Amino acid sequence: MTQLANKTVARSASGRSRALDVDHYVSLRIRQRRIMLGLTQQQMAELIGVTYQQAHKYETGINRISAGRLYQIAQALGVDISYFFEDIDPDRRAKPKTSEMLPQQRMLLELARNFAAINSRKHQDALCNLARVLASNETEAAEE
């Protein structure tokens, strides 16, 4: 890296550039969204027109993602590009760990996968209505 490049990249106390932390955060958000949709890395690679190895490198933060490729990924995952930057805290030094997923988060992912696998719109609507009724009953019980 040239001296000019060193001066233009903000550095954290550990000497790592903050840009790298952002890259890893974006990679994590890509992985989370892919898993939420129930896609394999191979399926993801096919959606964005890269090899499995390249998709894996994007998700693990080994390779940085260009703006154009990030746009393609966002389209493939059905989100806006801003999704990958939501809840980002630039002052936070530690990056989130995928292994620290809460049991409730795992259930939500499983629910989302199963819901997406239901082919009948009528059944999906019924499931949404059931969840809405159960949630409103919980809210009413808590208020009493």
Protein backbone atom coordinates (compact mmCIF):
# COMPACT_ATOMS: atom_id res chain seq x y z
CA MET A 1 0.00 0.00 0.00
CA THR A 2 1.38 3.41 -0.90
CA GLN A 3 1.83 6.19 1.64
CA LEU A 4 -0.96 8.17 -0.01
CA ALA A 5 -3.36 5.25 0.35
CA ASN A 6 -2.36 4.84 3.99
CA LYS A 7 -3.32 8.45 4.69
CA THR A 8 -6.73 8.25 3.02
CA VAL A 9 -7.99 5.22 4.94
CA ALA A 10 -9.15 5.83 8.52
CA ARG A 11 -7.47 3.47 10.96
CA SER A 12 -8.75 2.06 14.21
CA ALA A 13 -6.62 1.77 17.35
CA SER A 14 -5.57 -1.74 16.32
CA GLY A 15 -4.19 -0.46 13.00
CA ARG A 16 -6.91 -2.13 10.90
CA SER A 17 -8.78 0.10 8.53
CA ARG A 18 -12.40 0.77 9.35
CA ALA A 19 -13.20 0.00 5.72
CA LEU A 20 -12.26 -3.61 6.39
CA ASP A 21 -14.67 -3.75 9.32
CA VAL A 22 -17.45 -2.41 7.07
CA ASP A 23 -16.57 -4.98 4.40
CA HIS A 24 -16.88 -7.79 6.93
CA TYR A 25 -20.17 -6.41 8.20
CA VAL A 26 -21.58 -6.30 4.65
CA SER A 27 -20.37 -9.87 4.08
CA LEU A 28 -22.11 -10.97 7.25
CA ARG A 29 -25.37 -9.31 6.19
CA ILE A 30 -25.18 -11.06 2.81
CA ARG A 31 -24.71 -14.42 4.51
CA GLN A 32 -27.57 -13.78 6.96
CA ARG A 33 -29.97 -12.81 4.18
CA ARG A 34 -28.98 -15.80 2.04
CA ILE A 35 -29.56 -18.17 4.94
CA MET A 36 -32.85 -16.47 5.80
CA LEU A 37 -34.03 -17.15 2.25
CA GLY A 38 -32.88 -20.77 2.49
CA LEU A 39 -30.39 -20.47 -0.36
CA THR A 40 -27.16 -22.43 -0.58
CA GLN A 41 -23.92 -20.69 -1.52
CA GLN A 42 -24.09 -22.52 -4.86
CA GLN A 43 -27.57 -21.16 -5.56
CA MET A 44 -26.43 -17.69 -4.55
CA ALA A 45 -23.44 -17.94 -6.88
CA GLU A 46 -25.69 -18.90 -9.78
CA LEU A 47 -28.06 -15.99 -9.05
CA ILE A 48 -25.25 -13.44 -9.26
CA GLY A 49 -23.28 -15.16 -12.03
CA VAL A 50 -20.10 -16.09 -10.17
CA THR A 51 -18.46 -19.32 -9.09
CA TYR A 52 -19.22 -20.97 -5.77
CA GLN A 53 -15.70 -20.10 -4.63
CA GLN A 54 -16.20 -16.42 -5.41
CA ALA A 55 -19.55 -16.30 -3.61
CA HIS A 56 -17.89 -17.95 -0.60
CA LYS A 57 -15.12 -15.35 -0.64
CA TYR A 58 -17.69 -12.54 -0.75
CA GLU A 59 -19.54 -13.98 2.24
CA THR A 60 -16.47 -14.53 4.34
CA GLY A 61 -14.98 -11.13 3.57
CA ILE A 62 -11.92 -12.58 1.84
CA ASN A 63 -12.71 -10.61 -1.33
CA ARG A 64 -14.13 -7.10 -1.28
CA ILE A 65 -17.36 -6.51 -3.17
CA SER A 66 -17.58 -3.83 -5.85
CA ALA A 67 -20.55 -1.47 -5.93
CA GLY A 68 -21.89 -3.09 -9.08
CA ARG A 69 -21.64 -6.59 -7.62
CA LEU A 70 -23.28 -5.43 -4.38
CA TYR A 71 -26.16 -4.09 -6.46
CA GLN A 72 -26.50 -7.51 -8.16
CA ILE A 73 -26.43 -9.27 -4.80
CA ALA A 74 -29.09 -6.94 -3.40
CA GLN A 75 -31.34 -7.67 -6.38
CA ALA A 76 -30.79 -11.43 -6.05
CA LEU A 77 -31.63 -11.30 -2.34
CA GLY A 78 -34.63 -9.01 -2.82
CA VAL A 79 -33.37 -6.10 -0.72
CA ASP A 80 -32.16 -2.54 -1.22
CA ILE A 81 -28.42 -1.95 -1.00
CA SER A 82 -29.04 -0.02 2.22
CA TYR A 83 -30.02 -3.35 3.85
CA PHE A 84 -26.36 -4.34 4.00
CA PHE A 85 -25.49 -1.21 6.00
CA GLU A 86 -28.44 -1.16 8.42
CA ASP A 87 -27.55 -1.04 12.11
CA ILE A 88 -23.89 -0.48 11.35
CA ASP A 89 -21.98 1.27 14.11
CA PRO A 90 -18.69 2.72 12.82
CA ASP A 91 -17.35 3.23 16.36
CA ARG A 92 -17.84 -0.38 17.28
CA ARG A 93 -14.55 -2.31 17.13
CA ALA A 94 -15.80 -5.88 17.44
CA LYS A 95 -17.60 -7.37 14.48
CA PRO A 96 -20.71 -9.49 15.01
CA LYS A 97 -20.12 -13.24 15.14
CA THR A 98 -22.36 -15.56 13.20
CA SER A 99 -21.88 -18.27 15.85
CA GLU A 100 -23.57 -16.06 18.47
CA MET A 101 -27.04 -16.50 17.02
CA LEU A 102 -29.74 -16.58 19.68
CA PRO A 103 -32.19 -19.51 19.82
CA GLN A 104 -35.04 -17.14 18.94
CA GLN A 105 -33.12 -15.95 15.86
CA ARG A 106 -32.69 -19.56 14.76
CA MET A 107 -36.42 -20.14 15.15
CA LEU A 108 -37.17 -17.02 13.13
CA LEU A 109 -34.88 -18.18 10.34
CA GLU A 110 -36.49 -21.61 10.35
CA LEU A 111 -39.94 -20.03 10.32
CA ALA A 112 -38.97 -17.78 7.39
CA ARG A 113 -37.57 -20.74 5.43
CA ASN A 114 -40.65 -22.85 6.05
CA PHE A 115 -42.98 -19.98 5.21
CA ALA A 116 -41.14 -19.37 1.92
CA ALA A 117 -41.52 -23.07 1.09
CA ILE A 118 -45.33 -22.91 1.33
CA ASN A 119 -46.60 -22.74 -2.25
CA SER A 120 -50.20 -21.80 -1.44
CA ARG A 121 -50.80 -18.06 -1.01
CA LYS A 122 -53.97 -18.96 0.89
CA HIS A 123 -51.97 -21.00 3.41
CA GLN A 124 -49.40 -18.21 3.77
CA ASP A 125 -52.20 -15.72 4.48
CA ALA A 126 -53.73 -18.09 7.04
CA LEU A 127 -50.38 -18.44 8.78
CA CYS A 128 -49.94 -14.65 8.87
CA ASN A 129 -53.42 -14.23 10.34
CA LEU A 130 -52.68 -16.89 12.98
CA ALA A 131 -49.47 -15.11 14.00
CA ARG A 132 -51.29 -11.77 14.14
CA VAL A 133 -54.06 -13.17 16.38
CA LEU A 134 -51.59 -14.92 18.69
CA ALA A 135 -49.48 -11.76 18.98
CA SER A 136 -52.48 -9.56 19.75
CA ASN A 137 -53.64 -12.06 22.42
CA GLU A 138 -50.19 -11.88 24.03
CA THR A 139 -50.30 -8.07 23.99
CA GLU A 140 -53.78 -8.00 25.53
CA ALA A 141 -52.78 -10.49 28.24
CA ALA A 142 -49.71 -8.41 29.13
CA GLU A 143 -51.82 -5.25 29.46
CA GLU A 144 -54.28 -6.90 31.90
